Amino acid sequence: MKFNIKLKKVRENLYIASCTNLPGCHIEAPTRQEAERMIKSAIQAYIKSYKQHHEKLI
């Protein structure tokens, strides 16, 4: 499954990243690199939680 990620610079030292495929999966970070790292971790945690609860991903 491919995940669509939106990354936006809101202002100096504030980036927001979200995975449009996974409702509620988003992060805030001070740098672009940190946002990219954090959204990957958030996606992994989201998938792990769904698997643990025997739920299907969208």
PDB file of N, CA and C in Angstrom:
ATOM      1  N   MET A   1       0.839  -1.179   0.000  1.00  0.00           N
ATOM      2  CA  MET A   1       0.000   0.000   0.000  1.00  0.00           C
ATOM      3  C   MET A   1       0.880   1.237   0.000  1.00  0.00           C
ATOM      4  N   LYS A   2       0.559   2.193  -0.864  1.00  0.00           N
ATOM      5  CA  LYS A   2       1.282   3.458  -0.903  1.00  0.00           C
ATOM      6  C   LYS A   2       0.550   4.471  -0.032  1.00  0.00           C
ATOM      7  N   PHE A   3       1.311   5.304   0.621  1.00  0.00           N
ATOM      8  CA  PHE A   3       0.740   6.326   1.485  1.00  0.00           C
ATOM      9  C   PHE A   3       1.050   7.698   0.929  1.00  0.00           C
ATOM     10  N   ASN A   4       0.030   8.544   0.855  1.00  0.00           N
ATOM     11  CA  ASN A   4       0.200   9.922   0.405  1.00  0.00           C
ATOM     12  C   ASN A   4       0.505  10.794   1.618  1.00  0.00           C
ATOM     13  N   ILE A   5       1.602  11.520   1.525  1.00  0.00           N
ATOM     14  CA  ILE A   5       2.015  12.379   2.625  1.00  0.00           C
ATOM     15  C   ILE A   5       2.011  13.827   2.157  1.00  0.00           C
ATOM     16  N   LYS A   6       1.383  14.686   2.953  1.00  0.00           N
ATOM     17  CA  LYS A   6       1.412  16.127   2.707  1.00  0.00           C
ATOM     18  C   LYS A   6       2.320  16.745   3.761  1.00  0.00           C
ATOM     19  N   LEU A   7       3.229  17.586   3.304  1.00  0.00           N
ATOM     20  CA  LEU A   7       4.162  18.256   4.206  1.00  0.00           C
ATOM     21  C   LEU A   7       4.069  19.752   3.924  1.00  0.00           C
ATOM     22  N   LYS A   8       3.822  20.517   4.976  1.00  0.00           N
ATOM     23  CA  LYS A   8       3.634  21.955   4.804  1.00  0.00           C
ATOM     24  C   LYS A   8       4.424  22.731   5.847  1.00  0.00           C
ATOM     25  N   LYS A   9       5.107  23.760   5.379  1.00  0.00           N
ATOM     26  CA  LYS A   9       5.777  24.671   6.310  1.00  0.00           C
ATOM     27  C   LYS A   9       4.755  25.727   6.700  1.00  0.00           C
ATOM     28  N   VAL A  10       4.425  25.774   7.984  1.00  0.00           N
ATOM     29  CA  VAL A  10       3.423  26.718   8.483  1.00  0.00           C
ATOM     30  C   VAL A  10       4.066  28.064   8.765  1.00  0.00           C
ATOM     31  N   ARG A  11       5.198  28.013   9.415  1.00  0.00           N
ATOM     32  CA  ARG A  11       5.990  29.215   9.702  1.00  0.00           C
ATOM     33  C   ARG A  11       7.399  28.763  10.068  1.00  0.00           C
ATOM     34  N   GLU A  12       8.240  29.664  10.404  1.00  0.00           N
ATOM     35  CA  GLU A  12       9.610  29.322  10.792  1.00  0.00           C
ATOM     36  C   GLU A  12       9.580  28.334  11.962  1.00  0.00           C
ATOM     37  N   ASN A  13      10.284  27.236  11.832  1.00  0.00           N
ATOM     38  CA  ASN A  13      10.371  26.198  12.865  1.00  0.00           C
ATOM     39  C   ASN A  13       9.059  25.470  13.148  1.00  0.00           C
ATOM     40  N   LEU A  14       8.160  25.408  12.157  1.00  0.00           N
ATOM     41  CA  LEU A  14       6.938  24.631  12.332  1.00  0.00           C
ATOM     42  C   LEU A  14       6.497  24.014  11.004  1.00  0.00           C
ATOM     43  N   TYR A  15       6.605  22.702  10.952  1.00  0.00           N
ATOM     44  CA  TYR A  15       6.159  21.924   9.795  1.00  0.00           C
ATOM     45  C   TYR A  15       5.065  20.978  10.258  1.00  0.00           C
ATOM     46  N   ILE A  16       4.090  20.791   9.393  1.00  0.00           N
ATOM     47  CA  ILE A  16       3.019  19.830   9.664  1.00  0.00           C
ATOM     48  C   ILE A  16       3.037  18.796   8.547  1.00  0.00           C
ATOM     49  N   ALA A  17       3.013  17.536   8.931  1.00  0.00           N
ATOM     50  CA  ALA A  17       2.944  16.451   7.957  1.00  0.00           C
ATOM     51  C   ALA A  17       1.743  15.591   8.296  1.00  0.00           C
ATOM     52  N   SER A  18       1.055  15.129   7.250  1.00  0.00           N
ATOM     53  CA  SER A  18      -0.081  14.245   7.468  1.00  0.00           C
ATOM     54  C   SER A  18      -0.117  13.187   6.376  1.00  0.00           C
ATOM     55  N   CYS A  19      -0.669  12.045   6.743  1.00  0.00           N
ATOM     56  CA  CYS A  19      -0.868  10.962   5.793  1.00  0.00           C
ATOM     57  C   CYS A  19      -2.337  11.005   5.401  1.00  0.00           C
ATOM     58  N   THR A  20      -2.614  11.357   4.163  1.00  0.00           N
ATOM     59  CA  THR A  20      -3.995  11.543   3.728  1.00  0.00           C
ATOM     60  C   THR A  20      -4.768  10.233   3.662  1.00  0.00           C
ATOM     61  N   ASN A  21      -4.075   9.099   3.619  1.00  0.00           N
ATOM     62  CA  ASN A  21      -4.739   7.793   3.577  1.00  0.00           C
ATOM     63  C   ASN A  21      -5.226   7.348   4.956  1.00  0.00           C
ATOM     64  N   LEU A  22      -4.655   7.904   6.006  1.00  0.00           N
ATOM     65  CA  LEU A  22      -4.936   7.444   7.367  1.00  0.00           C
ATOM     66  C   LEU A  22      -5.516   8.589   8.193  1.00  0.00           C
ATOM     67  N   PRO A  23      -6.818   8.589   8.430  1.00  0.00           N
ATOM     68  CA  PRO A  23      -7.456   9.670   9.177  1.00  0.00           C
ATOM     69  C   PRO A  23      -6.818   9.873  10.559  1.00  0.00           C
ATOM     70  N   GLY A  24      -6.501  11.113  10.859  1.00  0.00           N
ATOM     71  CA  GLY A  24      -5.932  11.436  12.160  1.00  0.00           C
ATOM     72  C   GLY A  24      -4.443  11.209  12.286  1.00  0.00           C
ATOM     73  N   CYS A  25      -3.801  10.801  11.218  1.00  0.00           N
ATOM     74  CA  CYS A  25      -2.356  10.538  11.265  1.00  0.00           C
ATOM     75  C   CYS A  25      -1.609  11.785  10.792  1.00  0.00           C
ATOM     76  N   HIS A  26      -1.166  12.602  11.751  1.00  0.00           N
ATOM     77  CA  HIS A  26      -0.432  13.811  11.438  1.00  0.00           C
ATOM     78  C   HIS A  26       0.504  14.170  12.582  1.00  0.00           C
ATOM     79  N   ILE A  27       1.499  14.986  12.258  1.00  0.00           N
ATOM     80  CA  ILE A  27       2.495  15.383  13.260  1.00  0.00           C
ATOM     81  C   ILE A  27       2.880  16.849  13.050  1.00  0.00           C
ATOM     82  N   GLU A  28       3.527  17.407  14.051  1.00  0.00           N
ATOM     83  CA  GLU A  28       4.142  18.731  13.972  1.00  0.00           C
ATOM     84  C   GLU A  28       5.607  18.574  14.328  1.00  0.00           C
ATOM     85  N   ALA A  29       6.469  19.318  13.643  1.00  0.00           N
ATOM     86  CA  ALA A  29       7.905  19.213  13.897  1.00  0.00           C
ATOM     87  C   ALA A  29       8.582  20.556  13.598  1.00  0.00           C
ATOM     88  N   PRO A  30       9.760  20.775  14.191  1.00  0.00           N
ATOM     89  CA  PRO A  30      10.460  22.041  13.980  1.00  0.00           C
ATOM     90  C   PRO A  30      11.228  22.128  12.656  1.00  0.00           C
ATOM     91  N   THR A  31      11.548  20.988  12.032  1.00  0.00           N
ATOM     92  CA  THR A  31      12.280  20.996  10.766  1.00  0.00           C
ATOM     93  C   THR A  31      11.633  20.040   9.774  1.00  0.00           C
ATOM     94  N   ARG A  32      11.943  20.238   8.517  1.00  0.00           N
ATOM     95  CA  ARG A  32      11.415  19.362   7.465  1.00  0.00           C
ATOM     96  C   ARG A  32      11.911  17.928   7.664  1.00  0.00           C
ATOM     97  N   GLN A  33      13.191  17.787   7.965  1.00  0.00           N
ATOM     98  CA  GLN A  33      13.766  16.455   8.147  1.00  0.00           C
ATOM     99  C   GLN A  33      13.109  15.726   9.325  1.00  0.00           C
ATOM    100  N   GLU A  34      12.881  16.438  10.396  1.00  0.00           N
ATOM    101  CA  GLU A  34      12.231  15.848  11.570  1.00  0.00           C
ATOM    102  C   GLU A  34      10.786  15.474  11.244  1.00  0.00           C
ATOM    103  N   ALA A  35      10.106  16.307  10.480  1.00  0.00           N
ATOM    104  CA  ALA A  35       8.724  16.007  10.083  1.00  0.00           C
ATOM    105  C   ALA A  35       8.671  14.737   9.235  1.00  0.00           C
ATOM    106  N   GLU A  36       9.606  14.588   8.305  1.00  0.00           N
ATOM    107  CA  GLU A  36       9.643  13.390   7.468  1.00  0.00           C
ATOM    108  C   GLU A  36       9.885  12.139   8.321  1.00  0.00           C
ATOM    109  N   ARG A  37      10.795  12.236   9.261  1.00  0.00           N
ATOM    110  CA  ARG A  37      11.095  11.103  10.141  1.00  0.00           C
ATOM    111  C   ARG A  37       9.892  10.767  11.025  1.00  0.00           C
ATOM    112  N   MET A  38       9.284  11.801  11.581  1.00  0.00           N
ATOM    113  CA  MET A  38       8.174  11.588  12.513  1.00  0.00           C
ATOM    114  C   MET A  38       6.923  11.039  11.826  1.00  0.00           C
ATOM    115  N   ILE A  39       6.624  11.499  10.590  1.00  0.00           N
ATOM    116  CA  ILE A  39       5.421  10.997   9.925  1.00  0.00           C
ATOM    117  C   ILE A  39       5.603   9.525   9.550  1.00  0.00           C
ATOM    118  N   LYS A  40       6.818   9.115   9.209  1.00  0.00           N
ATOM    119  CA  LYS A  40       7.074   7.696   8.931  1.00  0.00           C
ATOM    120  C   LYS A  40       6.834   6.860  10.193  1.00  0.00           C
ATOM    121  N   SER A  41       7.300   7.362  11.322  1.00  0.00           N
ATOM    122  CA  SER A  41       7.073   6.656  12.592  1.00  0.00           C
ATOM    123  C   SER A  41       5.594   6.623  12.949  1.00  0.00           C
ATOM    124  N   ALA A  42       4.891   7.726  12.694  1.00  0.00           N
ATOM    125  CA  ALA A  42       3.460   7.790  12.995  1.00  0.00           C
ATOM    126  C   ALA A  42       2.678   6.794  12.137  1.00  0.00           C
ATOM    127  N   ILE A  43       3.051   6.657  10.881  1.00  0.00           N
ATOM    128  CA  ILE A  43       2.388   5.689   9.993  1.00  0.00           C
ATOM    129  C   ILE A  43       2.627   4.271  10.494  1.00  0.00           C
ATOM    130  N   GLN A  44       3.859   3.972  10.869  1.00  0.00           N
ATOM    131  CA  GLN A  44       4.176   2.635  11.396  1.00  0.00           C
ATOM    132  C   GLN A  44       3.371   2.337  12.659  1.00  0.00           C
ATOM    133  N   ALA A  45       3.263   3.310  13.554  1.00  0.00           N
ATOM    134  CA  ALA A  45       2.504   3.120  14.794  1.00  0.00           C
ATOM    135  C   ALA A  45       1.014   2.945  14.490  1.00  0.00           C
ATOM    136  N   TYR A  46       0.499   3.685  13.542  1.00  0.00           N
ATOM    137  CA  TYR A  46      -0.902   3.594  13.140  1.00  0.00           C
ATOM    138  C   TYR A  46      -1.211   2.189  12.630  1.00  0.00           C
ATOM    139  N   ILE A  47      -0.357   1.683  11.745  1.00  0.00           N
ATOM    140  CA  ILE A  47      -0.551   0.347  11.179  1.00  0.00           C
ATOM    141  C   ILE A  47      -0.437  -0.721  12.262  1.00  0.00           C
ATOM    142  N   LYS A  48       0.538  -0.578  13.136  1.00  0.00           N
ATOM    143  CA  LYS A  48       0.725  -1.543  14.225  1.00  0.00           C
ATOM    144  C   LYS A  48      -0.515  -1.596  15.117  1.00  0.00           C
ATOM    145  N   SER A  49      -1.076  -0.446  15.434  1.00  0.00           N
ATOM    146  CA  SER A  49      -2.274  -0.388  16.276  1.00  0.00           C
ATOM    147  C   SER A  49      -3.447  -1.095  15.601  1.00  0.00           C
ATOM    148  N   TYR A  50      -3.635  -0.848  14.311  1.00  0.00           N
ATOM    149  CA  TYR A  50      -4.724  -1.507  13.587  1.00  0.00           C
ATOM    150  C   TYR A  50      -4.551  -3.019  13.589  1.00  0.00           C
ATOM    151  N   LYS A  51      -3.329  -3.477  13.376  1.00  0.00           N
ATOM    152  CA  LYS A  51      -3.071  -4.922  13.370  1.00  0.00           C
ATOM    153  C   LYS A  51      -3.332  -5.534  14.748  1.00  0.00           C
ATOM    154  N   GLN A  52      -2.930  -4.838  15.805  1.00  0.00           N
ATOM    155  CA  GLN A  52      -3.137  -5.348  17.160  1.00  0.00           C
ATOM    156  C   GLN A  52      -4.619  -5.450  17.507  1.00  0.00           C
ATOM    157  N   HIS A  53      -5.425  -4.590  16.917  1.00  0.00           N
ATOM    158  CA  HIS A  53      -6.866  -4.587  17.202  1.00  0.00           C
ATOM    159  C   HIS A  53      -7.651  -5.349  16.127  1.00  0.00           C
ATOM    160  N   HIS A  54      -6.942  -6.018  15.235  1.00  0.00           N
ATOM    161  CA  HIS A  54      -7.560  -6.839  14.176  1.00  0.00           C
ATOM    162  C   HIS A  54      -8.528  -6.032  13.322  1.00  0.00           C
ATOM    163  N   GLU A  55      -8.147  -4.812  13.044  1.00  0.00           N
ATOM    164  CA  GLU A  55      -8.967  -3.939  12.199  1.00  0.00           C
ATOM    165  C   GLU A  55      -8.342  -3.845  10.807  1.00  0.00           C
ATOM    166  N   LYS A  56      -9.166  -3.562   9.819  1.00  0.00           N
ATOM    167  CA  LYS A  56      -8.676  -3.392   8.451  1.00  0.00           C
ATOM    168  C   LYS A  56      -8.350  -1.932   8.203  1.00  0.00           C
ATOM    169  N   LEU A  57      -7.278  -1.721   7.462  1.00  0.00           N
ATOM    170  CA  LEU A  57      -6.952  -0.365   7.044  1.00  0.00           C
ATOM    171  C   LEU A  57      -7.837   0.011   5.878  1.00  0.00           C
ATOM    172  N   ILE A  58      -8.036   1.286   5.732  1.00  0.00           N
ATOM    173  CA  ILE A  58      -8.879   1.809   4.654  1.00  0.00           C
ATOM    174  C   ILE A  58      -8.260   1.505   3.308  1.00  0.00           C
TER     175      ILE A  58
END
